[in-house]
Protein backbone atom coordinates (compact mmCIF):
# COMPACT_ATOMS: atom_id res chain seq x y z
CA MET A 1 32.88 3.21 -11.54
CA ILE A 2 29.16 2.81 -10.84
CA LEU A 3 27.92 4.28 -7.57
CA ASN A 4 25.84 2.10 -5.27
CA TYR A 5 25.22 4.80 -2.68
CA TYR A 6 26.02 8.43 -2.23
CA LYS A 7 26.29 10.36 0.97
CA LYS A 8 26.72 14.10 1.41
CA ILE A 9 29.84 15.00 3.36
CA ASN A 10 31.04 18.42 4.46
CA LYS A 11 34.69 17.98 3.53
CA ILE A 12 36.48 15.54 1.23
CA PRO A 13 39.34 13.81 3.06
CA LEU A 14 42.64 14.28 1.26
CA THR A 15 46.07 12.69 1.56
CA SER A 16 49.20 14.77 2.12
CA SER A 17 49.69 14.81 -1.66
CA GLY A 18 46.20 16.24 -2.22
CA LYS A 19 44.56 13.05 -3.50
CA LEU A 20 41.32 11.56 -2.22
CA ASN A 21 41.86 9.53 0.96
CA ARG A 22 39.40 6.66 0.45
CA ILE A 23 40.17 5.16 3.86
CA LEU A 24 38.75 8.22 5.64
CA LEU A 25 35.55 8.31 3.60
CA PRO A 26 32.52 7.42 5.75
CA GLU A 27 30.77 4.13 5.06
CA PRO A 28 27.11 4.42 4.14
CA SER A 29 25.01 3.47 7.12
CA LEU A 30 22.23 0.91 7.12
CA ILE A 31 19.72 3.73 7.46
CA ASP A 32 21.03 5.30 4.24
CA LYS A 33 20.61 1.96 2.45
CA ILE A 34 17.08 1.52 3.80
CA LYS A 35 16.15 5.03 2.66
CA ASP A 36 17.39 4.19 -0.85
CA ILE A 37 15.33 0.99 -0.90
CA TYR A 38 12.28 2.92 0.34
CA LYS A 39 12.73 5.53 -2.40
CA ALA A 40 13.08 2.83 -5.06
CA LEU A 41 9.96 1.04 -3.82
CA LYS A 42 8.01 4.29 -3.71
CA ILE A 43 9.11 5.15 -7.26
CA ASN A 44 8.02 1.70 -8.50
CA ILE A 45 4.62 2.12 -6.84
CA GLU A 46 4.26 5.58 -8.39
CA LYS A 47 5.16 4.23 -11.85
CA THR A 48 2.59 1.45 -11.49
CA LEU A 49 -0.09 3.91 -10.36
CA CYS A 50 0.75 6.21 -13.30
CA ARG A 51 0.33 3.27 -15.66
CA ILE A 52 -3.00 2.31 -14.03
CA ASN A 53 -4.32 5.87 -14.28
CA SER A 54 -3.06 6.13 -17.85
CA GLU A 55 -5.01 3.02 -18.84
CA ILE A 56 -8.21 4.01 -17.05
CA PHE A 57 -8.30 7.71 -17.97
CA ASN A 58 -6.96 6.98 -21.48
CA ILE A 59 -4.20 9.58 -21.06
CA ASP A 60 -0.57 9.19 -22.13
CA GLU A 61 1.43 7.89 -19.16
CA ASN A 62 4.00 10.68 -19.56
CA LYS A 63 1.28 13.32 -19.18
CA ILE A 64 0.12 12.08 -15.77
CA GLY A 65 2.01 13.61 -12.86
CA ILE A 66 2.23 12.26 -9.34
CA THR A 67 0.57 15.43 -8.01
CA ASP A 68 -2.39 15.38 -10.43
CA ASP A 69 -5.70 15.26 -8.57
CA PHE A 70 -7.99 12.26 -9.18
CA PHE A 71 -11.00 14.54 -9.70
CA ASP A 72 -9.13 16.93 -12.01
CA LEU A 73 -8.38 13.96 -14.27
CA GLY A 74 -12.13 13.25 -14.42
CA GLY A 75 -12.40 10.74 -11.60
CA THR A 76 -15.78 9.42 -10.49
CA GLY A 77 -16.99 6.69 -8.17
CA LEU A 78 -17.08 4.16 -11.01
CA ILE A 79 -13.56 5.05 -12.11
CA ALA A 80 -12.42 4.72 -8.49
CA ILE A 81 -13.77 1.15 -8.47
CA ARG A 82 -11.80 0.35 -11.64
CA ILE A 83 -8.63 1.79 -10.08
CA ILE A 84 -9.23 -0.19 -6.87
CA THR A 85 -9.58 -3.38 -8.93
CA LYS A 86 -6.28 -2.77 -10.73
CA ILE A 87 -4.51 -1.84 -7.46
CA HIS A 88 -5.77 -5.10 -5.97
CA ARG A 89 -4.36 -7.06 -8.92
CA GLU A 90 -0.99 -5.28 -8.77
CA PHE A 91 -0.40 -5.04 -5.02
CA ASN A 92 -2.87 -7.54 -3.48
CA ILE A 93 -4.40 -4.75 -1.41
CA ASN A 94 -8.09 -4.40 -0.63
CA MET A 95 -9.03 -0.73 -0.76
CA LYS A 96 -12.26 1.18 -0.37
CA ILE A 97 -13.56 4.02 -2.51
CA LYS A 98 -13.15 6.45 0.40
CA GLU A 99 -9.39 5.78 0.35
CA ILE A 100 -9.16 6.77 -3.32
CA MET A 101 -11.15 9.91 -2.48
CA LYS A 102 -8.87 10.65 0.50
CA PHE A 103 -5.55 9.99 -1.28
CA LYS A 104 -6.40 11.88 -4.46
CA THR A 105 -2.90 12.08 -5.95
CA ILE A 106 -0.58 9.32 -7.09
CA GLU A 107 2.01 10.62 -4.65
CA SER A 108 -0.25 10.35 -1.58
CA LEU A 109 -1.72 7.03 -2.75
CA SER A 110 1.76 5.55 -3.25
CA ILE A 111 2.74 6.55 0.30
CA TYR A 112 -0.44 4.90 1.61
CA ILE A 113 0.22 1.70 -0.39
CA ASN A 114 3.87 1.62 0.68
CA GLU A 115 2.91 1.94 4.36
CA PHE A 116 0.23 -0.72 3.90
CA ILE A 117 2.77 -3.11 2.34
CA ASN A 118 5.28 -2.43 5.13
CA ASP A 119 2.63 -2.99 7.83
CA LYS A 120 1.57 -6.22 6.15
CA ASN A 121 5.18 -7.45 6.08
CA ASP A 122 5.65 -6.62 9.77
CA VAL A 123 2.93 -9.06 10.80
CA THR A 124 4.28 -12.44 11.82
CA LYS A 125 2.04 -15.46 11.57
CA ILE A 126 1.91 -17.47 14.78
CA ASN A 127 1.14 -21.15 14.54
CA HIS A 128 -0.82 -22.43 17.50
CA THR A 129 -0.63 -26.05 18.48
CA MET A 130 -3.83 -27.52 19.80
CA ILE A 131 -3.43 -29.41 23.03
CA ILE A 132 -6.19 -31.84 23.94
CA CYS A 133 -6.33 -32.92 27.56
């Protein structure tokens, strides 16, 4: 059996014979599913940012952690511009150097990018019809 979701419960419901009572197990809520999707998206963003930093800093991808500081890796303004260019290609996001300086770790930058993507998806385009009188 492959698990799709897991949920922590305080007590496992049992039948009178001591077997697992599957009927009494709680169903995963929509919020649990959304949290799992959010975690997966965040992990994908972090992996992409690790790859980008690996290419730019010429460091093995496995040696870059999500809490490593941009400046500790040797980051400069020119390197920030290269990272911004790659982020734009990967995520279609326009960033400024000050944002790279503010979100100095892959972890904080991935949260920023994830929120930016979610905000962008929440915007609904409204088509206006021109009326000429």
